[in-house]
Amino acid sequence: MDNKKNRTAIILAGGKSSRMGSDKGLLLFKGIPFIQHIINAVAPLVNDIIIVSSNPNYSAFGLQRIEDIVPDSGPIGGLHAGLTRTKTENNLVISCDVPLVTSELLKKLIAHEKEDFDSIQFEAAGKTMPLIALYRKNCAAVCEKLLISGERRLRQLVLNVNTKTIQVSEKEQFLVANINTIEDLKAIKNGVEY
C-alpha cells in the first residue's frame, strides 16, 4: 500500500514568468488556475502540500505558502526553501507551469521512491525535467551549498546528488509540457498535444 504520509508535494510558484508576462501558476486553463490543476494531481499522492511563492495571491488556495530563504535565487532557491520546511523524507516537487500533469504520471516517479536515490526525475524528448521530480529531504543541504557558491541552476543539484532518470513515453510527453508563452497556452487551449 502506498504510504503517502511520508510524502509532501512542493509546488514551485516563484518564477518571474518573464516570457508569459504574468504569474503562470494563476493563469487559467479550462477555467481553473494552473496551480489548482497541479494541486488536484498531487493531492491523492501526498499528505501535505507546500506552495513556494512570495506572491500572497497563492494564499487563497488554503495551503501552506512559504517564501524563499535566499530571495531571488531561482528554482534551486525554491527547492531549498521547500525541502528545508518539509517534514517528510520524500517530496514530490513540481513547477507551477505544467497544468496537464496527472496523478497517474506522477505515480511512475513514486514507484521508484524506495530505491536508493536522492532525486528521481523525468526525461521527455531528450530533456531532463528536474522540476517534475521526487527529492529526498537531504537534498536541502546540497541546495544550500550550491546557493552559497552562487550556483542557481537546478541541473547542478541533479549532478551533485544520486539521481535516477525515468523516460516519459512519447504519448505522455504532452503531460509534462511547460507552458511558458502565450503561444503555449493557446496551443493547449486548442487541444494541441506537444
N, C-alpha and C. Protein backbone atom coordinates (compact mmCIF):
# COMPACT_ATOMS: atom_id res chain seq x y z
N MET A 1 0.84 -1.19 0.00
CA MET A 1 0.00 0.00 0.00
C MET A 1 0.88 1.26 0.00
N ASP A 2 0.45 2.26 -0.70
CA ASP A 2 1.22 3.50 -0.81
C ASP A 2 1.12 4.28 0.50
N ASN A 3 2.27 4.63 1.06
CA ASN A 3 2.27 5.39 2.30
C ASN A 3 2.47 6.87 2.01
N LYS A 4 1.36 7.56 1.74
CA LYS A 4 1.50 8.97 1.37
C LYS A 4 1.80 9.85 2.58
N LYS A 5 1.73 9.26 3.78
CA LYS A 5 2.01 10.07 4.97
C LYS A 5 3.46 10.54 5.01
N ASN A 6 4.34 9.80 4.33
CA ASN A 6 5.75 10.22 4.34
C ASN A 6 6.11 10.89 3.01
N ARG A 7 5.15 11.68 2.47
CA ARG A 7 5.42 12.37 1.22
C ARG A 7 4.71 13.72 1.21
N THR A 8 5.45 14.74 0.82
CA THR A 8 4.90 16.10 0.70
C THR A 8 5.04 16.54 -0.75
N ALA A 9 4.10 17.34 -1.22
CA ALA A 9 4.25 17.98 -2.54
C ALA A 9 4.74 19.41 -2.31
N ILE A 10 5.75 19.79 -3.07
CA ILE A 10 6.29 21.15 -3.04
C ILE A 10 6.06 21.74 -4.42
N ILE A 11 5.18 22.73 -4.49
CA ILE A 11 4.87 23.37 -5.79
C ILE A 11 5.64 24.68 -5.86
N LEU A 12 6.49 24.80 -6.86
CA LEU A 12 7.31 26.00 -7.03
C LEU A 12 6.57 27.00 -7.90
N ALA A 13 6.19 28.12 -7.28
CA ALA A 13 5.41 29.14 -7.99
C ALA A 13 6.06 30.51 -7.83
N GLY A 14 7.37 30.52 -7.80
CA GLY A 14 8.06 31.78 -7.53
C GLY A 14 8.75 32.40 -8.71
N GLY A 15 8.55 31.82 -9.90
CA GLY A 15 9.27 32.31 -11.08
C GLY A 15 8.83 33.70 -11.49
N LYS A 16 9.68 34.32 -12.29
CA LYS A 16 9.40 35.69 -12.75
C LYS A 16 8.38 35.71 -13.90
N SER A 17 8.19 34.56 -14.57
CA SER A 17 7.23 34.47 -15.69
C SER A 17 7.45 35.56 -16.73
N SER A 18 8.71 35.84 -17.04
CA SER A 18 9.01 36.96 -17.94
C SER A 18 8.49 36.73 -19.35
N ARG A 19 8.52 35.47 -19.80
CA ARG A 19 8.04 35.21 -21.17
C ARG A 19 6.52 35.28 -21.27
N MET A 20 5.85 34.94 -20.17
CA MET A 20 4.38 34.94 -20.19
C MET A 20 3.82 36.33 -19.89
N GLY A 21 4.54 37.08 -19.08
CA GLY A 21 4.08 38.43 -18.76
C GLY A 21 3.18 38.51 -17.54
N SER A 22 2.78 37.36 -16.99
CA SER A 22 2.01 37.35 -15.75
C SER A 22 2.31 36.05 -15.01
N ASP A 23 1.89 35.95 -13.77
CA ASP A 23 2.21 34.79 -12.93
C ASP A 23 1.60 33.52 -13.52
N LYS A 24 2.46 32.60 -13.95
CA LYS A 24 1.97 31.42 -14.68
C LYS A 24 1.03 30.54 -13.85
N GLY A 25 1.35 30.38 -12.57
CA GLY A 25 0.54 29.49 -11.75
C GLY A 25 -0.90 29.94 -11.60
N LEU A 26 -1.16 31.24 -11.85
CA LEU A 26 -2.51 31.78 -11.70
C LEU A 26 -3.25 31.90 -13.03
N LEU A 27 -2.57 31.53 -14.13
CA LEU A 27 -3.24 31.54 -15.44
C LEU A 27 -4.34 30.48 -15.45
N LEU A 28 -5.38 30.73 -16.21
CA LEU A 28 -6.50 29.79 -16.26
C LEU A 28 -6.38 28.84 -17.44
N PHE A 29 -6.67 27.57 -17.18
CA PHE A 29 -6.82 26.55 -18.22
C PHE A 29 -8.10 25.81 -17.90
N LYS A 30 -9.05 25.83 -18.83
CA LYS A 30 -10.39 25.26 -18.60
C LYS A 30 -11.05 25.92 -17.39
N GLY A 31 -10.79 27.23 -17.22
CA GLY A 31 -11.43 28.00 -16.15
C GLY A 31 -10.83 27.78 -14.77
N ILE A 32 -9.74 27.03 -14.69
CA ILE A 32 -9.13 26.70 -13.39
C ILE A 32 -7.67 27.15 -13.42
N PRO A 33 -7.16 27.79 -12.36
CA PRO A 33 -5.75 28.19 -12.36
C PRO A 33 -4.81 26.99 -12.54
N PHE A 34 -3.71 27.23 -13.23
CA PHE A 34 -2.70 26.17 -13.43
C PHE A 34 -2.40 25.46 -12.12
N ILE A 35 -2.16 26.25 -11.07
CA ILE A 35 -1.73 25.64 -9.81
C ILE A 35 -2.80 24.72 -9.23
N GLN A 36 -4.07 25.03 -9.48
CA GLN A 36 -5.14 24.15 -8.98
C GLN A 36 -5.11 22.81 -9.71
N HIS A 37 -4.81 22.83 -11.02
CA HIS A 37 -4.65 21.57 -11.76
C HIS A 37 -3.56 20.72 -11.11
N ILE A 38 -2.46 21.38 -10.73
CA ILE A 38 -1.34 20.66 -10.13
C ILE A 38 -1.70 20.15 -8.74
N ILE A 39 -2.38 20.99 -7.96
CA ILE A 39 -2.85 20.57 -6.62
C ILE A 39 -3.74 19.33 -6.77
N ASN A 40 -4.64 19.35 -7.76
CA ASN A 40 -5.55 18.21 -7.97
C ASN A 40 -4.78 16.94 -8.33
N ALA A 41 -3.67 17.10 -9.08
CA ALA A 41 -2.88 15.93 -9.48
C ALA A 41 -2.08 15.36 -8.31
N VAL A 42 -1.54 16.23 -7.45
CA VAL A 42 -0.68 15.74 -6.36
C VAL A 42 -1.46 15.33 -5.11
N ALA A 43 -2.62 15.92 -4.89
CA ALA A 43 -3.35 15.70 -3.63
C ALA A 43 -3.57 14.23 -3.28
N PRO A 44 -3.94 13.35 -4.24
CA PRO A 44 -4.15 11.95 -3.86
C PRO A 44 -2.86 11.21 -3.48
N LEU A 45 -1.71 11.83 -3.75
CA LEU A 45 -0.43 11.13 -3.60
C LEU A 45 0.38 11.58 -2.39
N VAL A 46 -0.09 12.64 -1.72
CA VAL A 46 0.71 13.22 -0.63
C VAL A 46 -0.14 13.49 0.61
N ASN A 47 0.56 13.72 1.71
CA ASN A 47 -0.11 14.05 2.95
C ASN A 47 -0.16 15.55 3.19
N ASP A 48 0.74 16.29 2.52
CA ASP A 48 0.85 17.72 2.76
C ASP A 48 1.28 18.39 1.46
N ILE A 49 0.89 19.65 1.27
CA ILE A 49 1.27 20.42 0.08
C ILE A 49 1.80 21.77 0.53
N ILE A 50 2.96 22.13 0.02
CA ILE A 50 3.58 23.43 0.29
C ILE A 50 3.70 24.18 -1.02
N ILE A 51 3.30 25.44 -1.03
CA ILE A 51 3.50 26.30 -2.20
C ILE A 51 4.64 27.26 -1.86
N VAL A 52 5.66 27.29 -2.72
CA VAL A 52 6.77 28.22 -2.52
C VAL A 52 6.57 29.40 -3.46
N SER A 53 6.22 30.55 -2.87
CA SER A 53 6.00 31.76 -3.66
C SER A 53 5.94 32.98 -2.74
N SER A 54 6.45 34.10 -3.24
CA SER A 54 6.33 35.34 -2.47
C SER A 54 5.04 36.08 -2.82
N ASN A 55 4.27 35.54 -3.78
CA ASN A 55 3.02 36.18 -4.21
C ASN A 55 1.90 35.81 -3.22
N PRO A 56 1.37 36.79 -2.48
CA PRO A 56 0.34 36.47 -1.47
C PRO A 56 -0.96 35.93 -2.08
N ASN A 57 -1.16 36.09 -3.39
CA ASN A 57 -2.37 35.55 -4.03
C ASN A 57 -2.46 34.03 -3.90
N TYR A 58 -1.31 33.37 -3.74
CA TYR A 58 -1.32 31.91 -3.60
C TYR A 58 -1.88 31.46 -2.25
N SER A 59 -1.98 32.36 -1.31
CA SER A 59 -2.56 32.00 0.00
C SER A 59 -4.04 31.65 -0.14
N ALA A 60 -4.67 32.13 -1.22
CA ALA A 60 -6.10 31.87 -1.44
C ALA A 60 -6.40 30.39 -1.63
N PHE A 61 -5.38 29.58 -1.90
CA PHE A 61 -5.63 28.14 -2.15
C PHE A 61 -5.71 27.35 -0.85
N GLY A 62 -5.52 28.04 0.30
CA GLY A 62 -5.72 27.39 1.60
C GLY A 62 -4.63 26.40 1.98
N LEU A 63 -3.47 26.52 1.36
CA LEU A 63 -2.35 25.62 1.68
C LEU A 63 -1.22 26.43 2.30
N GLN A 64 -0.26 25.74 2.86
CA GLN A 64 0.89 26.42 3.44
C GLN A 64 1.68 27.10 2.31
N ARG A 65 1.89 28.40 2.44
CA ARG A 65 2.69 29.14 1.46
C ARG A 65 3.93 29.65 2.16
N ILE A 66 5.08 29.36 1.58
CA ILE A 66 6.34 29.83 2.16
C ILE A 66 7.11 30.62 1.11
N GLU A 67 8.07 31.40 1.56
CA GLU A 67 8.90 32.18 0.64
C GLU A 67 10.33 31.65 0.65
N ASP A 68 11.08 31.99 -0.38
CA ASP A 68 12.49 31.57 -0.45
C ASP A 68 13.25 32.06 0.78
N ILE A 69 14.14 31.22 1.27
CA ILE A 69 15.03 31.60 2.36
C ILE A 69 16.12 32.52 1.79
N VAL A 70 16.57 32.19 0.58
CA VAL A 70 17.54 33.01 -0.15
C VAL A 70 16.77 33.65 -1.31
N PRO A 71 16.34 34.92 -1.17
CA PRO A 71 15.48 35.53 -2.19
C PRO A 71 16.14 35.60 -3.57
N ASP A 72 15.29 35.57 -4.60
CA ASP A 72 15.73 35.73 -5.99
C ASP A 72 16.84 34.76 -6.36
N SER A 73 16.69 33.52 -5.98
CA SER A 73 17.73 32.53 -6.28
C SER A 73 17.24 31.44 -7.21
N GLY A 74 16.13 31.72 -7.92
CA GLY A 74 15.66 30.79 -8.95
C GLY A 74 15.07 29.51 -8.39
N PRO A 75 14.87 28.51 -9.27
CA PRO A 75 14.24 27.25 -8.85
C PRO A 75 15.00 26.54 -7.73
N ILE A 76 16.32 26.65 -7.74
CA ILE A 76 17.09 25.97 -6.68
C ILE A 76 16.80 26.61 -5.32
N GLY A 77 16.52 27.92 -5.31
CA GLY A 77 16.14 28.60 -4.08
C GLY A 77 14.77 28.16 -3.59
N GLY A 78 13.84 27.98 -4.53
CA GLY A 78 12.51 27.49 -4.18
C GLY A 78 12.56 26.07 -3.64
N LEU A 79 13.36 25.25 -4.31
CA LEU A 79 13.51 23.86 -3.85
C LEU A 79 14.15 23.82 -2.46
N HIS A 80 15.17 24.65 -2.26
CA HIS A 80 15.84 24.73 -0.96
C HIS A 80 14.84 25.11 0.14
N ALA A 81 14.01 26.12 -0.12
CA ALA A 81 13.02 26.54 0.88
C ALA A 81 12.04 25.42 1.18
N GLY A 82 11.54 24.77 0.13
CA GLY A 82 10.56 23.69 0.32
C GLY A 82 11.14 22.51 1.07
N LEU A 83 12.36 22.09 0.69
CA LEU A 83 12.98 20.93 1.34
C LEU A 83 13.40 21.25 2.77
N THR A 84 13.72 22.51 3.04
CA THR A 84 14.07 22.91 4.41
C THR A 84 12.83 22.84 5.29
N ARG A 85 11.68 23.22 4.75
CA ARG A 85 10.44 23.30 5.53
C ARG A 85 9.70 21.96 5.66
N THR A 86 9.87 21.09 4.67
CA THR A 86 9.10 19.84 4.68
C THR A 86 9.43 18.99 5.91
N LYS A 87 8.46 18.21 6.33
CA LYS A 87 8.67 17.31 7.47
C LYS A 87 8.85 15.86 7.00
N THR A 88 8.79 15.65 5.68
CA THR A 88 8.85 14.27 5.17
C THR A 88 10.15 14.00 4.43
N GLU A 89 10.51 12.73 4.41
CA GLU A 89 11.73 12.28 3.73
C GLU A 89 11.58 12.43 2.21
N ASN A 90 10.39 12.07 1.70
CA ASN A 90 10.15 12.07 0.25
C ASN A 90 9.27 13.25 -0.14
N ASN A 91 9.66 13.92 -1.22
CA ASN A 91 8.97 15.15 -1.62
C ASN A 91 8.80 15.20 -3.14
N LEU A 92 7.57 15.36 -3.54
CA LEU A 92 7.23 15.47 -4.95
C LEU A 92 7.30 16.95 -5.31
N VAL A 93 8.23 17.32 -6.16
CA VAL A 93 8.47 18.74 -6.48
C VAL A 93 8.00 19.01 -7.91
N ILE A 94 7.17 20.04 -8.06
CA ILE A 94 6.61 20.36 -9.38
C ILE A 94 6.55 21.86 -9.56
N SER A 95 6.93 22.32 -10.75
CA SER A 95 6.79 23.74 -11.06
C SER A 95 5.32 24.02 -11.39
N CYS A 96 4.94 25.28 -11.30
CA CYS A 96 3.52 25.63 -11.45
C CYS A 96 3.08 25.78 -12.91
N ASP A 97 3.98 25.45 -13.86
CA ASP A 97 3.65 25.70 -15.27
C ASP A 97 3.43 24.42 -16.07
N VAL A 98 3.03 23.32 -15.39
CA VAL A 98 2.75 22.06 -16.08
C VAL A 98 1.31 21.61 -15.76
N PRO A 99 0.31 22.37 -16.23
CA PRO A 99 -1.08 22.10 -15.81
C PRO A 99 -1.67 20.80 -16.33
N LEU A 100 -1.00 20.14 -17.27
CA LEU A 100 -1.54 18.90 -17.83
C LEU A 100 -1.05 17.65 -17.07
N VAL A 101 -0.15 17.84 -16.11
CA VAL A 101 0.40 16.70 -15.36
C VAL A 101 -0.72 15.97 -14.63
N THR A 102 -0.60 14.63 -14.53
CA THR A 102 -1.66 13.82 -13.90
C THR A 102 -1.11 13.00 -12.74
N SER A 103 -2.01 12.58 -11.88
CA SER A 103 -1.64 11.69 -10.76
C SER A 103 -1.02 10.41 -11.30
N GLU A 104 -1.61 9.86 -12.37
CA GLU A 104 -1.12 8.60 -12.94
C GLU A 104 0.33 8.71 -13.38
N LEU A 105 0.66 9.82 -14.02
CA LEU A 105 2.04 10.02 -14.47
C LEU A 105 2.98 10.14 -13.27
N LEU A 106 2.57 10.90 -12.27
CA LEU A 106 3.42 11.11 -11.08
C LEU A 106 3.64 9.82 -10.30
N LYS A 107 2.70 8.90 -10.39
CA LYS A 107 2.86 7.59 -9.72
C LYS A 107 4.07 6.84 -10.27
N LYS A 108 4.46 7.16 -11.51
CA LYS A 108 5.63 6.50 -12.11
C LYS A 108 6.92 6.93 -11.42
N LEU A 109 6.96 8.15 -10.89
CA LEU A 109 8.10 8.59 -10.07
C LEU A 109 8.06 7.87 -8.73
N ILE A 110 6.88 7.87 -8.13
CA ILE A 110 6.70 7.31 -6.78
C ILE A 110 7.02 5.81 -6.76
N ALA A 111 6.81 5.14 -7.88
CA ALA A 111 7.09 3.70 -7.97
C ALA A 111 8.56 3.40 -7.67
N HIS A 112 9.44 4.39 -7.83
CA HIS A 112 10.89 4.20 -7.59
C HIS A 112 11.35 4.80 -6.25
N GLU A 113 10.39 5.26 -5.46
CA GLU A 113 10.69 6.01 -4.24
C GLU A 113 11.53 5.22 -3.23
N LYS A 114 11.34 3.91 -3.17
CA LYS A 114 12.05 3.10 -2.17
C LYS A 114 13.48 2.76 -2.61
N GLU A 115 13.79 3.08 -3.86
CA GLU A 115 15.15 2.83 -4.34
C GLU A 115 16.10 3.87 -3.73
N ASP A 116 17.37 3.58 -3.78
CA ASP A 116 18.35 4.40 -3.07
C ASP A 116 18.84 5.58 -3.94
N PHE A 117 17.93 6.53 -4.16
CA PHE A 117 18.28 7.73 -4.94
C PHE A 117 17.89 8.97 -4.16
N ASP A 118 18.65 10.05 -4.36
CA ASP A 118 18.32 11.33 -3.73
C ASP A 118 17.28 12.08 -4.54
N SER A 119 17.33 11.89 -5.87
CA SER A 119 16.32 12.52 -6.73
C SER A 119 15.95 11.57 -7.85
N ILE A 120 14.70 11.64 -8.25
CA ILE A 120 14.18 10.83 -9.35
C ILE A 120 13.42 11.79 -10.25
N GLN A 121 13.92 11.97 -11.47
CA GLN A 121 13.33 12.95 -12.39
C GLN A 121 12.86 12.29 -13.67
N PHE A 122 11.99 12.97 -14.38
CA PHE A 122 11.54 12.52 -15.69
C PHE A 122 12.47 13.05 -16.77
N GLU A 123 12.45 12.36 -17.90
CA GLU A 123 13.09 12.85 -19.12
C GLU A 123 12.09 12.66 -20.25
N ALA A 124 11.91 13.70 -21.06
CA ALA A 124 10.99 13.62 -22.20
C ALA A 124 11.66 14.25 -23.40
N ALA A 125 11.60 13.57 -24.53
CA ALA A 125 12.18 14.07 -25.78
C ALA A 125 13.64 14.52 -25.57
N GLY A 126 14.40 13.75 -24.80
CA GLY A 126 15.81 14.04 -24.60
C GLY A 126 16.11 15.14 -23.60
N LYS A 127 15.07 15.64 -22.93
CA LYS A 127 15.26 16.76 -21.99
C LYS A 127 14.88 16.30 -20.58
N THR A 128 15.82 16.45 -19.64
CA THR A 128 15.51 16.06 -18.26
C THR A 128 14.63 17.13 -17.61
N MET A 129 13.85 16.70 -16.64
CA MET A 129 12.87 17.57 -16.00
C MET A 129 13.05 17.57 -14.49
N PRO A 130 14.04 18.34 -14.00
CA PRO A 130 14.26 18.36 -12.55
C PRO A 130 13.15 19.07 -11.78
N LEU A 131 12.19 19.67 -12.51
CA LEU A 131 11.06 20.32 -11.82
C LEU A 131 9.77 19.50 -11.92
N ILE A 132 9.89 18.24 -12.29
CA ILE A 132 8.82 17.26 -12.08
C ILE A 132 9.57 16.04 -11.57
N ALA A 133 9.79 16.01 -10.26
CA ALA A 133 10.71 15.02 -9.70
C ALA A 133 10.44 14.76 -8.22
N LEU A 134 11.00 13.67 -7.74
CA LEU A 134 10.99 13.36 -6.31
C LEU A 134 12.35 13.72 -5.74
N TYR A 135 12.35 14.37 -4.59
CA TYR A 135 13.61 14.70 -3.91
C TYR A 135 13.53 14.26 -2.47
N ARG A 136 14.63 13.73 -1.97
CA ARG A 136 14.72 13.43 -0.54
C ARG A 136 15.07 14.72 0.21
N LYS A 137 14.67 14.76 1.44
CA LYS A 137 14.88 15.97 2.26
C LYS A 137 16.37 16.33 2.36
N ASN A 138 17.25 15.32 2.32
CA ASN A 138 18.68 15.61 2.46
C ASN A 138 19.23 16.47 1.32
N CYS A 139 18.50 16.61 0.22
CA CYS A 139 18.95 17.47 -0.89
C CYS A 139 18.97 18.95 -0.48
N ALA A 140 18.27 19.30 0.61
CA ALA A 140 18.24 20.70 1.07
C ALA A 140 19.66 21.19 1.37
N ALA A 141 20.47 20.33 1.98
CA ALA A 141 21.84 20.72 2.35
C ALA A 141 22.69 20.96 1.10
N VAL A 142 22.46 20.15 0.05
CA VAL A 142 23.20 20.31 -1.20
C VAL A 142 22.75 21.61 -1.89
N CYS A 143 21.45 21.89 -1.87
CA CYS A 143 20.93 23.16 -2.41
C CYS A 143 21.62 24.33 -1.72
N GLU A 144 21.72 24.24 -0.40
CA GLU A 144 22.31 25.34 0.38
C GLU A 144 23.76 25.58 -0.03
N LYS A 145 24.51 24.49 -0.17
CA LYS A 145 25.93 24.62 -0.58
C LYS A 145 26.03 25.30 -1.95
N LEU A 146 25.16 24.87 -2.88
CA LEU A 146 25.20 25.45 -4.22
C LEU A 146 24.83 26.94 -4.18
N LEU A 147 23.81 27.28 -3.39
CA LEU A 147 23.39 28.68 -3.29
C LEU A 147 24.51 29.54 -2.70
N ILE A 148 25.19 29.02 -1.68
CA ILE A 148 26.30 29.76 -1.06
C ILE A 148 27.41 30.02 -2.09
N SER A 149 27.59 29.04 -2.99
CA SER A 149 28.65 29.19 -4.01
C SER A 149 28.19 30.05 -5.19
N GLY A 150 26.94 30.52 -5.15
CA GLY A 150 26.43 31.37 -6.23
C GLY A 150 25.78 30.61 -7.37
N GLU A 151 25.63 29.29 -7.22
CA GLU A 151 25.04 28.46 -8.28
C GLU A 151 23.52 28.53 -8.21
N ARG A 152 22.88 28.80 -9.36
CA ARG A 152 21.41 28.92 -9.40
C ARG A 152 20.75 27.85 -10.28
N ARG A 153 21.56 27.05 -10.96
CA ARG A 153 20.98 26.07 -11.90
C ARG A 153 20.63 24.75 -11.20
N LEU A 154 19.39 24.36 -11.37
CA LEU A 154 18.91 23.13 -10.74
C LEU A 154 19.65 21.92 -11.28
N ARG A 155 20.08 21.99 -12.53
CA ARG A 155 20.79 20.85 -13.12
C ARG A 155 22.08 20.54 -12.34
N GLN A 156 22.67 21.57 -11.73
CA GLN A 156 23.88 21.34 -10.93
C GLN A 156 23.56 20.52 -9.69
N LEU A 157 22.36 20.73 -9.13
CA LEU A 157 21.95 19.92 -7.98
C LEU A 157 21.83 18.46 -8.41
N VAL A 158 21.14 18.25 -9.52
CA VAL A 158 20.90 16.89 -10.01
C VAL A 158 22.23 16.17 -10.27
N LEU A 159 23.23 16.92 -10.72
CA LEU A 159 24.55 16.33 -10.98
C LEU A 159 25.31 16.05 -9.69
N ASN A 160 24.94 16.73 -8.61
CA ASN A 160 25.66 16.59 -7.34
C ASN A 160 25.02 15.62 -6.35
N VAL A 161 23.89 15.02 -6.74
CA VAL A 161 23.25 14.02 -5.88
C VAL A 161 23.03 12.76 -6.70
N ASN A 162 22.68 11.67 -6.03
CA ASN A 162 22.44 10.40 -6.70
C ASN A 162 21.06 10.44 -7.36
N THR A 163 21.04 10.59 -8.68
CA THR A 163 19.81 10.84 -9.43
C THR A 163 19.46 9.70 -10.37
N LYS A 164 18.18 9.37 -10.40
CA LYS A 164 17.66 8.40 -11.38
C LYS A 164 16.79 9.17 -12.36
N THR A 165 16.86 8.82 -13.62
CA THR A 165 16.05 9.47 -14.64
C THR A 165 15.13 8.44 -15.28
N ILE A 166 13.85 8.78 -15.37
CA ILE A 166 12.83 7.88 -15.93
C ILE A 166 12.29 8.49 -17.21
N GLN A 167 12.22 7.69 -18.26
CA GLN A 167 11.71 8.18 -19.55
C GLN A 167 10.19 8.31 -19.51
N VAL A 168 9.71 9.42 -20.06
CA VAL A 168 8.27 9.59 -20.25
C VAL A 168 7.96 9.05 -21.65
N SER A 169 6.93 8.23 -21.77
CA SER A 169 6.61 7.66 -23.08
C SER A 169 6.20 8.77 -24.05
N GLU A 170 6.35 8.48 -25.34
CA GLU A 170 6.06 9.50 -26.35
C GLU A 170 4.62 10.01 -26.25
N LYS A 171 3.69 9.09 -26.00
CA LYS A 171 2.28 9.51 -25.94
C LYS A 171 1.95 10.31 -24.69
N GLU A 172 2.85 10.28 -23.67
CA GLU A 172 2.61 11.05 -22.45
C GLU A 172 3.40 12.35 -22.39
N GLN A 173 4.21 12.62 -23.40
CA GLN A 173 5.08 13.80 -23.34
C GLN A 173 4.33 15.11 -23.18
N PHE A 174 3.14 15.20 -23.77
CA PHE A 174 2.37 16.45 -23.66
C PHE A 174 1.98 16.74 -22.22
N LEU A 175 1.93 15.70 -21.36
CA LEU A 175 1.54 15.88 -19.96
C LEU A 175 2.58 16.66 -19.16
N VAL A 176 3.82 16.67 -19.64
CA VAL A 176 4.89 17.36 -18.92
C VAL A 176 5.30 18.65 -19.62
N ALA A 177 4.50 19.11 -20.58
CA ALA A 177 4.83 20.33 -21.33
C ALA A 177 4.82 21.55 -20.41
N ASN A 178 5.92 22.32 -20.45
CA ASN A 178 5.97 23.60 -19.72
C ASN A 178 5.23 24.64 -20.55
N ILE A 179 4.30 25.34 -19.93
CA ILE A 179 3.57 26.39 -20.61
C ILE A 179 4.25 27.71 -20.24
N ASN A 180 5.11 28.18 -21.14
CA ASN A 180 5.95 29.34 -20.85
C ASN A 180 5.53 30.61 -21.59
N THR A 181 4.79 30.44 -22.68
CA THR A 181 4.45 31.60 -23.51
C THR A 181 2.96 31.62 -23.80
N ILE A 182 2.49 32.75 -24.31
CA ILE A 182 1.09 32.87 -24.71
C ILE A 182 0.77 31.83 -25.80
N GLU A 183 1.75 31.57 -26.68
CA GLU A 183 1.55 30.59 -27.76
C GLU A 183 1.35 29.18 -27.18
N ASP A 184 2.15 28.84 -26.14
CA ASP A 184 1.99 27.53 -25.49
C ASP A 184 0.60 27.41 -24.89
N LEU A 185 0.15 28.48 -24.25
CA LEU A 185 -1.17 28.48 -23.62
C LEU A 185 -2.27 28.31 -24.66
N LYS A 186 -2.15 29.03 -25.77
CA LYS A 186 -3.15 28.91 -26.85
C LYS A 186 -3.17 27.48 -27.39
N ALA A 187 -1.99 26.88 -27.50
CA ALA A 187 -1.90 25.52 -28.04
C ALA A 187 -2.65 24.52 -27.18
N ILE A 188 -2.48 24.59 -25.84
CA ILE A 188 -3.20 23.62 -25.00
C ILE A 188 -4.68 23.94 -24.94
N LYS A 189 -5.03 25.22 -25.04
CA LYS A 189 -6.46 25.58 -25.05
C LYS A 189 -7.14 25.08 -26.31
N ASN A 190 -6.36 24.95 -27.39
CA ASN A 190 -6.90 24.44 -28.66
C ASN A 190 -6.75 22.94 -28.78
N GLY A 191 -6.30 22.32 -27.68
CA GLY A 191 -6.21 20.86 -27.66
C GLY A 191 -5.02 20.29 -28.42
N VAL A 192 -4.01 21.13 -28.66
CA VAL A 192 -2.83 20.65 -29.37
C VAL A 192 -1.97 19.87 -28.39
N GLU A 193 -1.57 18.66 -28.78
CA GLU A 193 -0.62 17.90 -27.97
C GLU A 193 0.77 18.24 -28.46
N TYR A 194 1.69 18.43 -27.53
CA TYR A 194 3.04 18.84 -27.89
C TYR A 194 3.79 17.71 -28.54
